[in-house]
Amino acid sequence: MTVLNRRTARRVEAQEAAPMVGAGGSGPSRPGVALPGFLGLVVGAWAALAGYVGPYFGFRPVAHRVWVADLPNGLLHLLPGAVAAAAGLMLLAVAPSRSRTARASIALPALLLVAAGAWLVVGPTAWPVIESGNPFVTGVSALRNLLNVAGASLAPGLVLVLLGGMALKASSSTRRRATPVDRYTPVEAAVPAAPGPVAPTAGETLERGPVVER
């Protein structure tokens, strides 16, 4: 029993010293959070500023002039783009951290990316319900109108929703957890030792005296 107890104690000490796989100290990998954050920042900045700076290089989705500040441009492009860019910055800020708190804080910017992307996709379609008028420039060909919608709203919105989903997956996924080990009932200790004769010690022999045969 003494040898078995020593083996059990050594095994328990080795298990306690070994690092647990997937424990709370390991957070989401840096590329899994930083990549959606960086791309969300870039795509969000483009969605916010495309209607304002697009005419500089021939892209006129909402106006023929640069820096036209109107309600459709502000609500359909500037607002969701700014929200997405801010969410990207938040993801980049928590990317180096590997704590449980950082993992939980990824959910908010990820949801903001999804919401901003969804509004970029749905907003232009729902705009006539809010206010009359076309949110994009009129008097252009059908192909040009498709390029304006895709470049300013549809494509950035879909990309932002995808990036938000990637960030949510990175926040919820954890590494493989270690198999729990019952440290209190090891295999060796669970098997009882066979009972055997107990030899008397020298002191007990002297106290009892010599055994007299009858």
Protein backbone atom coordinates (compact mmCIF):
# COMPACT_ATOMS: atom_id res chain seq x y z
CA MET A 1 0.00 0.00 0.00
CA THR A 2 2.86 2.36 0.70
CA VAL A 3 4.26 1.89 -2.82
CA LEU A 4 0.82 2.38 -4.36
CA ASN A 5 0.23 5.55 -2.35
CA ARG A 6 3.56 6.96 -3.48
CA ARG A 7 2.74 6.23 -7.11
CA THR A 8 -0.67 7.83 -6.72
CA ALA A 9 0.81 10.95 -5.12
CA ARG A 10 3.37 11.30 -7.89
CA ARG A 11 0.72 10.96 -10.57
CA VAL A 12 -1.49 13.59 -8.96
CA GLU A 13 1.44 16.00 -8.66
CA ALA A 14 2.31 15.48 -12.33
CA GLN A 15 -1.30 16.13 -13.38
CA GLU A 16 -1.44 19.31 -11.33
CA ALA A 17 1.83 20.56 -12.79
CA ALA A 18 0.82 19.84 -16.41
CA PRO A 19 -0.97 22.73 -18.19
CA MET A 20 -4.64 22.19 -18.95
CA VAL A 21 -5.50 22.34 -22.66
CA GLY A 22 -8.21 24.87 -23.36
CA ALA A 23 -8.19 26.35 -19.89
CA GLY A 24 -9.54 29.78 -19.18
CA GLY A 25 -6.18 31.49 -19.63
CA SER A 26 -6.07 30.76 -23.35
CA GLY A 27 -8.11 33.20 -25.37
CA PRO A 28 -9.03 33.44 -29.03
CA SER A 29 -6.10 33.37 -31.38
CA ARG A 30 -4.83 36.75 -32.50
CA PRO A 31 -5.33 36.22 -36.27
CA GLY A 32 -8.92 35.05 -35.67
CA VAL A 33 -9.83 38.40 -34.08
CA ALA A 34 -7.41 40.89 -35.61
CA LEU A 35 -8.22 40.00 -39.22
CA PRO A 36 -11.96 40.76 -38.96
CA GLY A 37 -11.09 43.88 -37.00
CA PHE A 38 -8.68 45.24 -39.62
CA LEU A 39 -10.93 44.39 -42.55
CA GLY A 40 -13.95 45.78 -40.72
CA LEU A 41 -12.09 49.05 -40.19
CA VAL A 42 -11.14 49.31 -43.88
CA VAL A 43 -14.52 48.27 -45.28
CA GLY A 44 -16.38 50.46 -42.78
CA ALA A 45 -14.27 53.49 -43.72
CA TRP A 46 -14.98 52.86 -47.40
CA ALA A 47 -18.72 52.50 -46.80
CA ALA A 48 -18.78 55.72 -44.79
CA LEU A 49 -16.75 57.83 -47.22
CA ALA A 50 -17.61 56.33 -50.62
CA GLY A 51 -20.46 58.73 -51.22
CA TYR A 52 -18.32 61.73 -50.22
CA VAL A 53 -14.99 61.03 -51.92
CA GLY A 54 -16.15 58.72 -54.72
CA PRO A 55 -16.56 61.49 -57.30
CA TYR A 56 -12.84 62.22 -57.00
CA PHE A 57 -12.10 59.05 -59.01
CA GLY A 58 -15.30 58.75 -61.03
CA PHE A 59 -17.43 56.76 -58.57
CA ARG A 60 -20.70 58.66 -57.99
CA PRO A 61 -23.16 56.45 -56.12
CA VAL A 62 -25.22 59.13 -54.35
CA ALA A 63 -24.19 62.48 -55.87
CA HIS A 64 -22.22 63.89 -58.75
CA ARG A 65 -20.24 66.22 -56.49
CA VAL A 66 -17.87 65.49 -53.65
CA TRP A 67 -18.72 65.95 -49.97
CA VAL A 68 -22.47 66.23 -50.45
CA ALA A 69 -23.99 66.17 -46.97
CA ASP A 70 -27.58 65.03 -47.26
CA LEU A 71 -29.83 62.80 -45.20
CA PRO A 72 -29.65 59.63 -47.36
CA ASN A 73 -25.89 59.77 -47.55
CA GLY A 74 -25.60 60.28 -43.82
CA LEU A 75 -28.03 57.59 -42.68
CA LEU A 76 -27.40 54.97 -45.35
CA HIS A 77 -23.63 55.25 -45.69
CA LEU A 78 -21.88 57.47 -43.15
CA LEU A 79 -23.63 56.10 -40.03
CA PRO A 80 -23.25 52.34 -40.68
CA GLY A 81 -19.76 52.82 -42.04
CA ALA A 82 -18.68 54.74 -38.95
CA VAL A 83 -20.19 52.09 -36.68
CA ALA A 84 -18.37 49.34 -38.58
CA ALA A 85 -15.07 51.22 -38.45
CA ALA A 86 -15.45 51.75 -34.69
CA ALA A 87 -16.23 48.05 -34.24
CA GLY A 88 -13.10 47.17 -36.20
CA LEU A 89 -11.02 49.37 -33.92
CA MET A 90 -12.54 47.67 -30.88
CA LEU A 91 -11.61 44.25 -32.24
CA LEU A 92 -8.06 45.40 -32.91
CA ALA A 93 -7.84 46.75 -29.37
CA VAL A 94 -8.82 43.45 -27.73
CA ALA A 95 -6.92 41.22 -30.17
CA PRO A 96 -3.59 41.12 -28.23
CA SER A 97 -5.33 40.14 -24.98
CA ARG A 98 -5.91 36.46 -24.23
CA SER A 99 -8.05 36.70 -21.11
CA ARG A 100 -11.63 35.61 -20.57
CA THR A 101 -12.75 39.23 -20.30
CA ALA A 102 -11.28 40.04 -23.69
CA ARG A 103 -13.00 37.02 -25.20
CA ALA A 104 -16.35 38.19 -23.84
CA SER A 105 -15.78 41.77 -25.05
CA ILE A 106 -15.41 40.56 -28.66
CA ALA A 107 -19.14 39.85 -28.92
CA LEU A 108 -20.20 43.53 -28.87
CA PRO A 109 -18.06 44.77 -31.80
CA ALA A 110 -18.87 41.59 -33.72
CA LEU A 111 -22.60 42.27 -33.37
CA LEU A 112 -22.02 45.89 -34.40
CA LEU A 113 -20.32 44.68 -37.58
CA VAL A 114 -23.28 42.44 -38.36
CA ALA A 115 -25.79 45.23 -37.66
CA ALA A 116 -23.91 47.79 -39.75
CA GLY A 117 -23.56 45.39 -42.64
CA ALA A 118 -27.22 44.43 -42.49
CA TRP A 119 -28.27 48.08 -42.57
CA LEU A 120 -26.04 48.76 -45.56
CA VAL A 121 -27.81 45.96 -47.42
CA VAL A 122 -31.39 46.60 -46.29
CA GLY A 123 -31.28 50.36 -45.82
CA PRO A 124 -31.42 51.47 -49.47
CA THR A 125 -34.34 49.13 -50.10
CA ALA A 126 -36.25 50.35 -47.04
CA TRP A 127 -35.42 54.02 -47.65
CA PRO A 128 -38.57 54.80 -49.73
CA VAL A 129 -40.62 53.80 -46.69
CA ILE A 130 -38.76 56.34 -44.54
CA GLU A 131 -38.55 59.17 -47.05
CA SER A 132 -39.54 59.56 -50.66
CA GLY A 133 -36.82 59.64 -53.26
CA ASN A 134 -34.08 57.42 -54.60
CA PRO A 135 -31.06 57.10 -52.29
CA PHE A 136 -28.75 56.69 -55.29
CA VAL A 137 -28.13 58.92 -58.29
CA THR A 138 -30.72 58.81 -61.04
CA GLY A 139 -30.45 59.19 -64.78
CA VAL A 140 -27.78 56.54 -65.24
CA SER A 141 -27.82 53.23 -67.06
CA ALA A 142 -28.97 50.03 -65.41
CA LEU A 143 -25.41 48.70 -65.31
CA ARG A 144 -24.13 51.88 -63.74
CA ASN A 145 -26.88 51.81 -61.14
CA LEU A 146 -26.01 48.20 -60.29
CA LEU A 147 -22.36 49.14 -59.85
CA ASN A 148 -23.32 52.05 -57.60
CA VAL A 149 -25.53 49.91 -55.38
CA ALA A 150 -23.03 47.05 -55.23
CA GLY A 151 -19.99 49.22 -54.60
CA ALA A 152 -21.50 51.56 -52.03
CA SER A 153 -23.93 49.36 -50.11
CA LEU A 154 -24.41 45.74 -51.14
CA ALA A 155 -20.82 44.48 -51.28
CA PRO A 156 -19.57 46.34 -48.16
CA GLY A 157 -22.66 45.22 -46.23
CA LEU A 158 -22.22 41.55 -47.08
CA VAL A 159 -18.51 41.68 -46.25
CA LEU A 160 -19.21 43.30 -42.88
CA VAL A 161 -21.81 40.66 -42.00
CA LEU A 162 -19.27 37.95 -42.89
CA LEU A 163 -16.57 39.60 -40.78
CA GLY A 164 -18.95 39.94 -37.85
CA GLY A 165 -19.75 36.25 -38.08
CA MET A 166 -16.04 35.41 -38.11
CA ALA A 167 -15.49 37.52 -35.00
CA LEU A 168 -18.43 35.88 -33.22
CA LYS A 169 -17.04 32.46 -34.05
CA ALA A 170 -13.62 33.47 -32.72
CA SER A 171 -15.18 34.72 -29.48
CA SER A 172 -17.20 31.58 -28.86
CA SER A 173 -14.73 28.93 -29.98
CA THR A 174 -12.34 27.51 -27.41
CA ARG A 175 -9.58 25.00 -27.67
CA ARG A 176 -10.12 21.37 -26.88
CA ARG A 177 -10.65 20.97 -23.18
CA ALA A 178 -8.60 18.51 -21.25
CA THR A 179 -10.27 15.29 -20.16
CA PRO A 180 -11.19 15.58 -16.47
CA VAL A 181 -9.26 13.22 -14.23
CA ASP A 182 -10.62 11.93 -10.97
CA ARG A 183 -7.70 12.71 -8.71
CA TYR A 184 -9.32 11.30 -5.63
CA THR A 185 -9.98 7.75 -6.81
CA PRO A 186 -6.98 6.64 -8.86
CA VAL A 187 -6.87 3.15 -10.29
CA GLU A 188 -4.22 1.91 -7.91
CA ALA A 189 -6.00 3.24 -4.85
CA ALA A 190 -9.35 1.85 -5.97
CA VAL A 191 -8.03 -1.73 -5.94
CA PRO A 192 -7.77 -2.86 -2.29
CA ALA A 193 -4.70 -4.77 -1.29
CA ALA A 194 -5.10 -8.44 -0.44
CA PRO A 195 -5.17 -9.04 3.31
CA GLY A 196 -2.22 -10.97 4.69
CA PRO A 197 -0.83 -12.08 8.01
CA VAL A 198 0.52 -9.31 10.13
CA ALA A 199 3.85 -10.19 11.68
CA PRO A 200 4.24 -9.01 15.28
CA THR A 201 6.94 -6.54 16.00
CA ALA A 202 9.81 -7.12 18.37
CA GLY A 203 8.18 -5.04 21.06
CA GLU A 204 4.92 -6.94 20.88
CA THR A 205 6.81 -10.27 21.13
CA LEU A 206 8.58 -9.17 24.29
CA GLU A 207 5.36 -7.93 25.90
CA ARG A 208 3.39 -11.08 25.14
CA GLY A 209 6.23 -13.38 26.10
CA PRO A 210 7.09 -16.69 24.50
CA VAL A 211 4.34 -18.73 22.95
CA VAL A 212 3.81 -21.96 24.91
CA GLU A 213 2.63 -24.91 22.92
CA ARG A 214 -0.09 -27.04 24.44
